[in-house]
Protein backbone atom coordinates (compact mmCIF):
# COMPACT_ATOMS: atom_id res chain seq x y z
CA MET A 1 -86.73 -162.32 161.22
CA SER A 2 -86.29 -160.34 158.03
CA THR A 3 -84.48 -162.06 155.21
CA ARG A 4 -81.46 -159.86 155.75
CA ILE A 5 -80.44 -157.85 158.78
CA LEU A 6 -77.26 -155.87 158.80
CA VAL A 7 -75.33 -156.72 161.85
CA ALA A 8 -72.46 -154.53 161.15
CA ALA A 9 -72.28 -151.10 162.02
CA ALA A 10 -69.64 -150.23 164.32
CA SER A 11 -66.50 -148.74 163.16
CA PHE A 12 -64.33 -151.29 164.79
CA ALA A 13 -61.48 -149.12 165.06
CA LEU A 14 -58.59 -147.42 166.26
CA GLY A 15 -59.25 -143.94 165.56
CA ALA A 16 -62.52 -144.26 164.03
CA THR A 17 -64.27 -141.45 165.64
CA LEU A 18 -61.99 -138.66 165.74
CA LEU A 19 -62.56 -135.10 166.49
CA VAL A 20 -65.89 -133.58 167.29
CA ALA A 21 -66.59 -130.82 164.85
CA PRO A 22 -66.48 -127.38 166.46
CA ALA A 23 -69.91 -125.91 167.04
CA ASN A 24 -69.17 -123.11 164.61
CA ALA A 25 -67.79 -125.35 161.88
CA ALA A 26 -69.35 -124.52 158.56
CA PRO A 27 -71.01 -127.39 156.71
CA SER A 28 -69.24 -128.46 153.57
CA THR A 29 -70.55 -126.39 150.69
CA VAL A 30 -69.01 -128.60 148.02
CA ALA A 31 -71.60 -131.32 148.30
CA ALA A 32 -74.46 -128.85 148.67
CA ALA A 33 -73.63 -127.00 145.48
CA ALA A 34 -72.89 -129.94 143.23
CA PRO A 35 -76.37 -131.06 142.17
CA ALA A 36 -77.24 -127.60 140.82
CA GLN A 37 -74.20 -127.75 138.50
CA PHE A 38 -74.30 -131.36 137.36
CA LYS A 39 -77.09 -132.47 135.06
CA ALA A 40 -78.38 -135.80 136.32
CA ALA A 41 -79.19 -138.28 133.57
CA PRO A 42 -82.11 -140.72 133.81
CA ILE A 43 -81.27 -144.27 134.85
CA ASP A 44 -81.65 -147.06 132.33
CA TRP A 45 -83.40 -149.70 134.43
CA GLY A 46 -82.80 -153.36 133.63
CA LYS A 47 -82.49 -156.77 135.22
CA CYS A 48 -80.86 -157.25 138.63
CA LYS A 49 -78.31 -159.97 139.40
CA ASP A 50 -79.03 -160.40 143.12
CA ASP A 51 -81.56 -163.16 143.88
CA PHE A 52 -83.14 -161.24 146.74
CA LEU A 53 -83.68 -158.21 144.50
CA ILE A 54 -85.07 -160.39 141.70
CA ASP A 55 -87.51 -162.01 144.13
CA SER A 56 -88.47 -158.55 145.38
CA GLY A 57 -89.37 -157.37 141.90
CA ALA A 58 -86.51 -154.88 141.68
CA ARG A 59 -84.93 -153.34 138.61
CA CYS A 60 -81.30 -152.23 138.54
CA GLY A 61 -79.19 -149.69 136.73
CA MET A 62 -76.25 -147.31 136.96
CA LEU A 63 -76.19 -143.66 137.99
CA THR A 64 -73.50 -141.34 136.63
CA VAL A 65 -72.09 -138.80 139.11
CA PRO A 66 -69.00 -136.57 139.19
CA LEU A 67 -65.87 -138.07 140.66
CA ASP A 68 -65.34 -134.70 142.36
CA HIS A 69 -68.51 -132.76 143.04
CA ALA A 70 -66.42 -129.57 143.10
CA ASP A 71 -65.61 -130.26 139.43
CA PRO A 72 -68.98 -131.18 137.88
CA THR A 73 -67.62 -131.03 134.33
CA GLY A 74 -64.69 -133.32 135.14
CA PRO A 75 -64.37 -137.12 135.26
CA THR A 76 -67.39 -139.19 136.26
CA ILE A 77 -67.98 -142.50 138.01
CA LYS A 78 -70.93 -144.90 138.01
CA LEU A 79 -72.98 -146.04 141.00
CA ALA A 80 -75.09 -149.19 141.11
CA VAL A 81 -78.73 -148.44 141.88
CA SER A 82 -81.83 -150.59 142.45
CA ARG A 83 -85.53 -149.79 142.65
CA VAL A 84 -88.66 -151.60 143.80
CA LYS A 85 -91.56 -149.52 142.54
CA HIS A 86 -94.70 -148.91 144.53
CA LYS A 87 -97.74 -151.08 143.93
CA GLY A 88 -101.30 -149.85 143.80
CA GLN A 89 -102.82 -146.41 143.50
CA LYS A 90 -101.56 -144.92 146.75
CA TYR A 91 -98.10 -143.43 146.37
CA ASN A 92 -96.10 -141.87 149.20
CA GLY A 93 -93.00 -141.05 147.19
CA VAL A 94 -89.37 -142.16 146.97
CA MET A 95 -87.66 -143.96 149.87
CA PHE A 96 -83.87 -143.74 149.88
CA THR A 97 -82.07 -146.39 151.94
CA ASN A 98 -78.62 -147.15 153.28
CA PRO A 99 -77.70 -150.25 155.34
CA GLY A 100 -74.61 -148.84 157.03
CA GLY A 101 -70.90 -149.39 156.92
CA PRO A 102 -69.34 -147.22 155.71
CA GLY A 103 -68.56 -149.58 152.89
CA GLY A 104 -71.75 -151.61 152.95
CA SER A 105 -73.34 -152.53 149.64
CA GLY A 106 -76.83 -151.05 149.64
CA THR A 107 -78.63 -152.10 146.46
CA TRP A 108 -80.34 -155.06 148.16
CA VAL A 109 -82.04 -152.81 150.73
CA ALA A 110 -84.47 -151.74 148.03
CA GLY A 111 -86.25 -155.00 148.84
CA TYR A 112 -86.84 -154.03 152.45
CA GLY A 113 -90.18 -152.37 151.83
CA GLN A 114 -91.88 -155.78 151.87
CA PHE A 115 -91.08 -156.11 155.59
CA VAL A 116 -93.01 -153.01 156.62
CA PRO A 117 -96.28 -154.23 158.20
CA LYS A 118 -99.70 -153.78 156.61
CA ASP A 119 -98.24 -153.38 153.09
CA VAL A 120 -97.28 -149.78 153.84
CA GLY A 121 -93.92 -150.33 152.20
CA LYS A 122 -95.65 -150.96 148.91
CA THR A 123 -96.75 -147.31 148.77
CA TYR A 124 -93.16 -146.16 148.20
CA ASP A 125 -90.53 -146.54 145.51
CA TRP A 126 -87.68 -148.12 147.49
CA ILE A 127 -84.24 -147.15 146.20
CA GLY A 128 -81.00 -148.95 147.02
CA LEU A 129 -77.53 -147.67 146.23
CA ASP A 130 -74.03 -149.09 146.31
CA PRO A 131 -72.18 -145.95 147.45
CA ARG A 132 -69.18 -144.72 145.51
CA GLY A 133 -66.33 -147.20 145.57
CA VAL A 134 -68.56 -149.99 146.92
CA GLY A 135 -69.92 -153.26 145.53
CA GLU A 136 -71.08 -153.03 141.92
CA SER A 137 -70.32 -149.32 141.64
CA ARG A 138 -67.37 -148.53 139.39
CA PRO A 139 -64.58 -148.09 140.11
CA ALA A 140 -64.69 -150.22 143.27
CA LEU A 141 -62.03 -149.79 145.92
CA SER A 142 -59.56 -152.58 146.62
CA CYS A 143 -56.08 -152.44 148.10
CA ASP A 144 -55.09 -155.96 149.19
CA LYS A 145 -57.54 -158.84 148.90
CA ARG A 146 -55.57 -160.84 151.50
CA ILE A 147 -55.67 -158.23 154.27
CA LEU A 148 -58.33 -160.10 156.29
CA LYS A 149 -57.28 -163.64 155.28
CA ILE A 150 -57.89 -166.16 158.04
CA GLY A 151 -54.87 -167.06 160.13
CA THR A 152 -52.67 -164.24 158.81
CA ARG A 153 -53.15 -161.67 161.56
CA PRO A 154 -51.48 -161.47 164.96
CA PRO A 155 -53.63 -161.58 168.11
CA TYR A 156 -55.26 -158.24 168.75
CA ASP A 157 -53.91 -157.92 172.28
CA PRO A 158 -50.31 -156.62 171.90
CA THR A 159 -48.83 -158.65 174.74
CA THR A 160 -45.36 -158.37 173.15
CA ASP A 161 -43.49 -155.69 171.25
CA ASP A 162 -43.42 -158.03 168.25
CA ILE A 163 -47.23 -158.25 168.09
CA ARG A 164 -47.52 -154.47 168.42
CA ASP A 165 -44.93 -153.84 165.70
CA ARG A 166 -46.54 -156.35 163.33
CA TRP A 167 -49.88 -154.57 163.64
CA ILE A 168 -48.32 -151.16 163.08
CA ALA A 169 -46.55 -152.44 159.97
CA LYS A 170 -49.71 -154.13 158.73
CA ALA A 171 -51.75 -150.93 159.10
CA GLU A 172 -49.12 -148.74 157.47
CA GLY A 173 -48.72 -151.25 154.64
CA TYR A 174 -52.43 -151.36 153.91
CA ALA A 175 -52.69 -147.56 153.85
CA ARG A 176 -49.74 -147.48 151.45
CA ASP A 177 -51.32 -150.16 149.24
CA CYS A 178 -54.53 -148.15 149.05
CA GLY A 179 -52.59 -145.08 147.96
CA GLU A 180 -50.94 -147.10 145.20
CA SER A 181 -54.05 -149.03 144.11
CA ALA A 182 -55.79 -148.77 140.76
CA SER A 183 -58.76 -147.08 142.44
CA ALA A 184 -56.68 -144.54 144.42
CA ARG A 185 -58.22 -141.59 142.55
CA LEU A 186 -61.39 -142.19 144.57
CA LEU A 187 -59.73 -141.76 147.96
CA PRO A 188 -59.97 -137.94 148.21
CA HIS A 189 -63.68 -138.16 147.31
CA MET A 190 -65.12 -140.73 149.72
CA LYS A 191 -66.37 -138.44 152.48
CA THR A 192 -69.94 -138.55 153.75
CA THR A 193 -70.53 -135.19 152.05
CA ASP A 194 -69.61 -136.82 148.73
CA ILE A 195 -72.11 -139.62 149.38
CA VAL A 196 -74.82 -137.11 150.28
CA ALA A 197 -74.08 -135.24 147.05
CA ASP A 198 -74.47 -138.53 145.16
CA PHE A 199 -77.89 -139.02 146.73
CA GLU A 200 -78.82 -135.54 145.57
CA VAL A 201 -77.85 -136.43 142.00
CA LEU A 202 -79.94 -139.58 142.39
CA ARG A 203 -82.92 -137.55 143.60
CA GLU A 204 -82.66 -135.31 140.56
CA SER A 205 -82.29 -138.30 138.26
CA LEU A 206 -85.54 -139.71 139.67
CA ARG A 207 -87.22 -136.31 139.27
CA ALA A 208 -88.30 -136.38 142.92
CA GLY A 209 -88.95 -133.05 144.62
CA LYS A 210 -88.65 -134.64 148.06
CA VAL A 211 -87.51 -138.02 149.31
CA SER A 212 -87.87 -140.04 152.49
CA PHE A 213 -84.88 -141.85 153.97
CA TYR A 214 -84.63 -145.14 155.89
CA GLY A 215 -81.12 -145.39 157.31
CA PHE A 216 -79.46 -148.11 159.36
CA SER A 217 -76.32 -147.42 161.43
CA TYR A 218 -73.90 -145.34 159.33
CA GLY A 219 -76.90 -144.72 157.07
CA THR A 220 -78.35 -142.65 159.93
CA TYR A 221 -75.34 -140.36 159.72
CA ILE A 222 -75.76 -139.96 155.96
CA ALA A 223 -79.34 -138.90 156.69
CA GLN A 224 -78.22 -136.47 159.39
CA VAL A 225 -75.78 -134.78 157.00
CA TYR A 226 -78.45 -134.80 154.27
CA ALA A 227 -80.85 -133.06 156.68
CA THR A 228 -78.16 -130.48 157.42
CA LEU A 229 -77.24 -129.73 153.82
CA HIS A 230 -80.63 -130.26 152.10
CA PRO A 231 -83.40 -130.04 154.72
CA GLU A 232 -85.93 -128.86 152.16
CA ARG A 233 -85.53 -132.10 150.18
CA LEU A 234 -86.56 -134.49 152.96
CA ASP A 235 -89.99 -135.84 153.85
CA LYS A 236 -89.94 -138.68 156.41
CA LEU A 237 -86.87 -140.07 158.17
CA VAL A 238 -86.54 -143.44 159.90
CA LEU A 239 -83.14 -143.80 161.58
CA ASP A 240 -82.31 -147.13 163.21
CA GLY A 241 -79.09 -147.57 165.21
CA VAL A 242 -78.31 -143.87 165.45
CA VAL A 243 -74.76 -142.56 165.02
CA ASP A 244 -73.76 -139.86 167.51
CA PRO A 245 -72.77 -136.80 165.44
CA ARG A 246 -70.48 -135.56 168.20
CA GLY A 247 -67.80 -138.20 167.67
CA ILE A 248 -66.88 -138.45 164.02
CA TRP A 249 -65.03 -140.83 164.12
CA TYR A 250 -62.23 -141.44 166.65
CA GLU A 251 -64.32 -140.77 169.73
CA SER A 252 -67.17 -142.90 168.39
CA ASN A 253 -64.91 -145.92 168.41
CA GLN A 254 -63.86 -145.25 171.96
CA SER A 255 -67.53 -145.07 172.92
CA GLN A 256 -68.07 -148.40 171.18
CA ASN A 257 -65.39 -150.02 173.31
CA VAL A 258 -67.42 -149.17 176.39
CA ALA A 259 -70.78 -150.08 174.88
CA PHE A 260 -69.71 -153.47 173.47
CA GLU A 261 -68.50 -154.52 176.89
CA LYS A 262 -72.07 -154.14 178.15
CA SER A 263 -73.51 -155.81 175.07
CA ILE A 264 -71.29 -158.90 175.23
CA SER A 265 -72.00 -159.35 178.94
CA LYS A 266 -75.60 -160.15 177.94
CA PHE A 267 -74.29 -162.85 175.62
CA PHE A 268 -72.15 -164.38 178.39
CA ARG A 269 -75.24 -164.49 180.61
CA TRP A 270 -77.28 -166.14 177.85
CA ALA A 271 -74.59 -168.77 177.20
CA ALA A 272 -74.43 -169.63 180.90
CA LYS A 273 -78.13 -170.48 180.85
CA GLY A 274 -77.39 -172.94 178.05
CA ASN A 275 -74.46 -174.56 179.80
CA ARG A 276 -76.04 -178.04 179.55
CA ASP A 277 -75.48 -177.92 175.79
CA LEU A 278 -72.63 -175.46 175.45
CA HIS A 279 -70.39 -176.39 178.38
CA LEU A 280 -68.90 -172.91 178.53
CA GLY A 281 -69.66 -172.19 182.18
CA ARG A 282 -72.55 -172.05 184.61
CA THR A 283 -72.31 -168.32 185.22
CA ALA A 284 -71.68 -165.31 183.01
CA ALA A 285 -68.32 -164.83 184.72
CA ALA A 286 -67.37 -168.44 183.99
CA VAL A 287 -68.34 -168.12 180.30
CA GLU A 288 -66.31 -164.93 180.02
CA LYS A 289 -63.34 -166.69 181.58
CA THR A 290 -63.68 -169.57 179.11
CA TYR A 291 -63.82 -167.18 176.16
CA TYR A 292 -60.61 -165.40 177.11
CA ARG A 293 -58.91 -168.72 177.87
CA VAL A 294 -59.77 -169.87 174.32
CA LEU A 295 -58.40 -166.63 172.89
CA ARG A 296 -55.10 -167.10 174.70
CA ARG A 297 -54.93 -170.65 173.40
CA LEU A 298 -55.44 -169.50 169.81
CA ALA A 299 -52.89 -166.73 170.30
CA ARG A 300 -50.28 -169.40 171.08
CA ASN A 301 -51.36 -171.92 168.45
CA PRO A 302 -54.12 -171.37 165.86
CA ILE A 303 -56.52 -174.28 165.33
CA ASN A 304 -57.73 -175.20 161.84
CA GLY A 305 -56.09 -171.97 160.72
CA VAL A 306 -58.23 -169.92 163.11
CA GLY A 307 -56.22 -167.43 165.16
CA ALA A 308 -57.18 -165.29 168.12
CA ALA A 309 -58.01 -162.25 165.95
CA ASP A 310 -60.31 -164.38 163.77
CA LEU A 311 -62.27 -165.68 166.76
CA SER A 312 -62.47 -162.17 168.19
CA ASP A 313 -64.16 -161.01 164.99
CA ILE A 314 -66.59 -163.94 165.11
CA ALA A 315 -67.45 -163.22 168.74
CA LEU A 316 -68.19 -159.62 167.80
CA GLY A 317 -71.30 -160.90 166.01
CA ALA A 318 -72.81 -161.71 169.41
CA GLY A 319 -72.15 -158.12 170.44
CA TYR A 320 -74.04 -156.88 167.40
CA ALA A 321 -77.15 -159.03 167.42
CA ALA A 322 -78.92 -161.32 169.86
CA PHE A 323 -80.08 -163.64 167.08
CA LEU A 324 -76.45 -164.55 166.37
CA TYR A 325 -75.88 -165.90 169.89
CA PRO A 326 -76.25 -169.61 169.01
CA GLU A 327 -73.79 -169.60 166.11
CA VAL A 328 -71.17 -167.66 168.04
CA ALA A 329 -71.58 -169.76 171.19
CA SER A 330 -71.38 -173.00 169.23
CA ALA A 331 -68.15 -171.92 167.53
CA ILE A 332 -66.55 -171.04 170.87
CA SER A 333 -67.83 -174.24 172.46
CA GLU A 334 -66.34 -176.41 169.73
CA ILE A 335 -62.89 -174.95 170.34
CA ALA A 336 -63.17 -175.07 174.14
CA ASN A 337 -64.53 -178.60 174.40
CA GLU A 338 -63.48 -180.44 171.24
CA GLY A 339 -60.24 -178.72 170.32
CA THR A 340 -61.34 -178.03 166.76
CA ALA A 341 -62.42 -174.81 165.07
CA LYS A 342 -64.34 -175.98 162.01
CA GLN A 343 -67.42 -173.87 162.75
CA ALA A 344 -65.35 -170.77 163.47
CA ARG A 345 -63.40 -171.24 160.25
CA MET A 346 -66.60 -171.62 158.21
CA LEU A 347 -68.14 -168.48 159.72
CA TYR A 348 -65.04 -166.39 159.21
CA VAL A 349 -64.16 -167.54 155.69
CA SER A 350 -67.74 -167.10 154.47
CA GLN A 351 -67.51 -163.40 155.26
CA ASN A 352 -63.87 -162.81 154.36
CA PRO A 353 -63.19 -164.73 151.14
CA VAL A 354 -59.86 -164.18 149.44
CA VAL A 355 -61.22 -163.19 146.05
CA PRO A 356 -60.68 -160.21 143.74
CA ARG A 357 -61.90 -157.08 145.56
CA GLY A 358 -62.45 -159.20 148.68
CA ASP A 359 -61.35 -156.23 150.79
CA ASN A 360 -63.77 -153.82 149.09
CA GLY A 361 -65.90 -153.22 152.18
CA TYR A 362 -62.87 -152.64 154.40
CA ALA A 363 -61.18 -150.30 151.92
CA ALA A 364 -64.36 -148.25 151.43
CA TYR A 365 -64.94 -148.17 155.18
CA LEU A 366 -61.51 -146.71 155.82
CA ALA A 367 -61.76 -144.30 152.90
CA THR A 368 -64.72 -142.61 154.60
CA ILE A 369 -63.78 -143.03 158.26
CA CYS A 370 -60.25 -141.73 157.70
CA THR A 371 -61.28 -138.58 155.79
CA ASP A 372 -64.59 -137.36 157.27
CA ALA A 373 -62.65 -135.58 160.01
CA PRO A 374 -59.06 -135.32 161.28
CA TRP A 375 -57.50 -138.45 162.69
CA PRO A 376 -54.74 -138.74 165.32
CA THR A 377 -51.31 -139.07 163.77
CA ASP A 378 -49.44 -139.47 167.07
CA LEU A 379 -48.84 -143.20 167.43
CA ASN A 380 -48.02 -142.89 171.13
CA LYS A 381 -51.37 -141.21 171.80
CA ILE A 382 -53.26 -143.91 169.95
CA LEU A 383 -51.47 -146.72 171.75
CA ALA A 384 -51.96 -145.02 175.12
CA ASP A 385 -55.67 -144.45 174.49
CA ASN A 386 -56.21 -148.09 173.65
CA ALA A 387 -54.10 -149.38 176.52
CA ALA A 388 -56.10 -147.26 178.97
CA GLN A 389 -59.46 -148.46 177.67
CA ASP A 390 -58.37 -152.08 177.44
CA VAL A 391 -58.00 -152.23 181.23
CA ARG A 392 -61.78 -152.01 181.71
CA TYR A 393 -63.15 -152.79 178.24
CA PRO A 394 -61.06 -155.61 176.76
CA PHE A 395 -63.67 -157.17 174.50
CA ILE A 396 -63.04 -155.04 171.41
CA THR A 397 -60.65 -152.24 172.37
CA TRP A 398 -57.47 -153.52 170.68
CA GLY A 399 -59.35 -155.08 167.79
CA ASN A 400 -61.20 -151.82 167.26
CA GLY A 401 -57.92 -149.98 167.38
CA TRP A 402 -56.00 -152.09 164.88
CA PHE A 403 -58.96 -152.26 162.48
CA ASN A 404 -58.85 -148.48 162.11
CA ALA A 405 -55.10 -148.08 162.47
CA PRO A 406 -54.55 -147.37 158.73
CA CYS A 407 -56.19 -143.98 159.28
CA ARG A 408 -53.04 -142.73 161.01
CA THR A 409 -51.11 -142.79 157.70
CA TRP A 410 -54.03 -142.72 155.25
CA PRO A 411 -52.95 -141.41 151.82
CA ALA A 412 -55.89 -138.98 151.37
CA ALA A 413 -56.19 -135.82 153.46
CA PRO A 414 -59.14 -135.57 155.87
CA ALA A 415 -61.66 -132.73 155.95
CA PRO A 416 -60.71 -129.94 158.39
CA ALA A 417 -63.63 -130.99 160.60
CA ALA A 418 -66.73 -133.12 160.50
CA VAL A 419 -69.93 -131.53 159.29
CA GLU A 420 -71.72 -130.00 162.25
CA VAL A 421 -75.15 -131.65 162.17
CA ALA A 422 -77.61 -128.79 162.43
CA PRO A 423 -81.01 -128.64 164.13
CA TYR A 424 -83.73 -130.07 161.95
CA ALA A 425 -87.43 -129.42 162.35
CA GLY A 426 -88.79 -132.17 160.08
CA SER A 427 -90.39 -135.38 161.31
CA VAL A 428 -87.99 -138.15 162.34
CA LEU A 429 -88.51 -141.57 163.91
CA LEU A 430 -85.45 -142.79 165.82
CA ILE A 431 -84.92 -146.40 166.92
CA ASN A 432 -82.20 -147.74 169.23
CA GLU A 433 -81.82 -150.61 171.65
CA THR A 434 -80.62 -149.85 175.16
CA PHE A 435 -77.32 -151.72 174.95
CA ASP A 436 -76.54 -151.37 171.25
CA GLY A 437 -72.75 -151.68 171.16
CA ALA A 438 -72.16 -150.30 167.67
CA THR A 439 -74.23 -147.14 168.11
CA PRO A 440 -74.77 -146.48 171.82
CA ILE A 441 -78.18 -145.04 172.66
CA SER A 442 -76.55 -141.80 173.78
CA GLY A 443 -76.21 -140.99 170.07
CA ALA A 444 -79.95 -141.38 169.50
CA ARG A 445 -80.62 -139.08 172.44
CA GLU A 446 -78.23 -136.48 171.04
CA VAL A 447 -79.96 -136.55 167.64
CA ARG A 448 -83.33 -136.30 169.41
CA ARG A 449 -82.08 -133.11 171.08
CA ARG A 450 -81.00 -131.61 167.74
CA PHE A 451 -83.98 -132.80 165.69
CA THR A 452 -86.68 -130.99 167.58
CA HIS A 453 -89.63 -133.08 166.38
CA ALA A 454 -87.89 -136.44 166.50
CA VAL A 455 -89.43 -139.32 168.47
CA LEU A 456 -87.23 -142.07 169.94
CA ILE A 457 -88.29 -145.71 170.26
CA GLU A 458 -86.09 -147.66 172.68
CA GLY A 459 -85.81 -151.44 172.56
CA VAL A 460 -85.56 -151.87 176.31
CA ASN A 461 -82.49 -153.80 177.49
CA GLY A 462 -81.81 -154.97 173.94
CA THR A 463 -78.38 -155.44 172.39
CA THR A 464 -79.24 -155.83 168.70
CA HIS A 465 -77.91 -153.19 166.36
CA SER A 466 -80.30 -151.80 163.73
CA GLY A 467 -82.91 -154.52 164.25
CA SER A 468 -86.07 -152.82 163.05
CA LEU A 469 -88.40 -154.68 160.67
CA SER A 470 -87.35 -157.95 162.29
CA GLY A 471 -90.72 -158.86 163.79
CA VAL A 472 -91.02 -156.82 167.01
CA GLY A 473 -94.57 -155.55 166.55
CA CYS A 474 -94.25 -152.68 169.00
CA VAL A 475 -91.50 -151.20 166.82
CA ASP A 476 -92.50 -152.28 163.34
CA ASN A 477 -96.15 -151.27 163.60
CA LYS A 478 -95.17 -147.75 164.68
CA ILE A 479 -92.85 -147.51 161.70
CA ALA A 480 -95.71 -148.58 159.43
CA LYS A 481 -98.12 -146.06 160.93
CA TYR A 482 -95.60 -143.24 160.56
CA LEU A 483 -94.77 -144.13 156.95
CA ALA A 484 -98.47 -144.41 156.11
CA SER A 485 -99.66 -141.15 157.63
CA GLY A 486 -96.60 -139.05 158.39
CA LYS A 487 -97.84 -138.74 161.94
CA LEU A 488 -95.34 -139.46 164.69
CA PRO A 489 -96.17 -140.86 168.13
CA ASP A 490 -96.32 -138.25 170.88
CA ARG A 491 -93.02 -136.80 172.01
CA ARG A 492 -92.48 -136.76 175.75
CA ALA A 493 -91.04 -133.87 177.71
CA GLY A 494 -87.43 -134.11 178.77
CA ASP A 495 -84.32 -135.90 177.55
CA VAL A 496 -85.91 -139.36 177.44
CA SER A 497 -87.03 -142.12 175.13
CA ASP A 498 -90.56 -141.47 173.95
CA ILE A 499 -91.66 -145.10 173.54
CA ARG A 500 -90.33 -148.22 175.25
CA CYS A 501 -90.71 -151.45 173.28
CA PRO A 502 -89.58 -155.03 173.80
CA ARG A 503 -86.09 -155.80 172.50
CA VAL A 504 -85.26 -158.07 169.58
CA PRO A 505 -85.35 -161.42 171.41
CA ALA A 506 -82.47 -163.83 171.76
CA PRO A 507 -83.09 -167.40 170.55
CA PRO A 508 -83.58 -170.21 173.08
CA THR A 509 -80.36 -171.08 174.87
CA GLY A 510 -78.21 -173.96 173.71
CA LEU A 511 -76.71 -175.13 170.47
CA PRO A 512 -78.04 -173.82 167.14
CA GLY A 513 -80.66 -175.87 165.39
CA ALA A 514 -83.36 -175.39 162.80
CA GLN A 515 -85.21 -173.02 165.12
CA HIS A 516 -82.10 -170.84 165.29
CA ARG A 517 -81.43 -170.52 161.59
CA VAL A 518 -79.97 -167.09 160.98
CA GLU A 519 -81.02 -165.27 157.86
CA ALA A 520 -78.55 -162.43 158.12
CA ASN A 521 -75.45 -160.94 156.69
CA PHE A 522 -72.97 -162.13 159.30
CA HIS A 523 -70.29 -159.46 159.30
CA THR A 524 -67.37 -160.81 161.23
CA THR A 525 -65.41 -157.63 160.79
CA PRO A 526 -66.67 -154.55 162.62
CA ARG A 527 -68.31 -151.70 160.86
CA LEU A 528 -69.87 -148.51 161.92
CA GLY A 529 -73.06 -149.32 160.34
């Protein structure tokens, strides 16, 4: 397994995929025009702070870009950038990367080239970027560092009017806090088109005529918009965990509610096979019953400070990635059988520390999701949509809804419509597992239809989100061959996957041990990418 695998990529949210852009919607011209007006300065490369980047031989620096690309002579902001330069005489150019989110720090992904088989990654300059408002970029968004603090949130399922009203107040309060925060000036300028414009400034700063792009999850949508606005600037595209451009973003979240129900059912089945160790149930149905019984118990009385919403977020990890099954199952088992929640608390707190800017990822996520396209403002519609889906898809529906609920009253106006992703004739390699909950495979098929030379690799019956370069040879070797030669595998006729590969495997059933050690960023809160 690669040293780091982003497991987050689903906009866990209540409105996160709102309106589909009309077919005749004009792409945003603001982002497209900006690079021609703003003179990109070279980056002063120096030492990196991140251990993974240091071990990967990276250098780090800051890129200056306009705060508002429509005002290139106005205020500027700084974005954290990293680079691992190519090694050897063969050079295939610059490789932009993005690990997803929105709101995910991306500088560390510059080290991902080492995981491409046969040293092909070493023929590129791999570039990582903390998008505007994120991570080490300045200013960085933050509204309330305690918003995700363990034990402070009601259960997701609004079984009483009080629970419902507390969530509504919490969402409205967070949106208000963001509008009053020190970094509020960023909020009108956090759209995907702004991020694409930043990448264009970065390309100019690197003096690269063309760039390739390796995107995970939300990073695949950045690449789609880049291909729409700057098709002449792209060389090769690898898109893993493909966002459906038809549902930006409210409808995407509704699609996730359906897809995660299928994904988590695979986890319940896996846990049942390990019942001798886990004691969660001998069948998938029994494990599912145990899980919801534990949630109801935590909703009444949190254990070790762990409430029902906290465990729901932990369980979501199993919906994102098969290799997280043991840790999630063990945490649930401890509560069900021992009455303690020490493991669950450790997992949750490690990913949601109450520290300055501890909500940075969440704030940046909302800043993009809430403004890329219109969002429903009718509370009754939102509640009705979630109540209807919860009947059949209870695993994440209400959690997804409340996570994105601040979009209803977000303090920055959304774009009139999402960018309509245009047909693209360049070469593209798409990767998606069959039961990816965060980015359902229907999105990859839609992009394959629009990108007329794209080839789709399907991880058959897999549930892992954005799991390429994690050791599945059938997938990784084809990525290496494409990046080495530019030649794609053959594209089949019809609306189908072109290549069927084994899925990212689940670990052996049972409790986690040394053989199950997870080397991953365990995102307990949902993200689109």
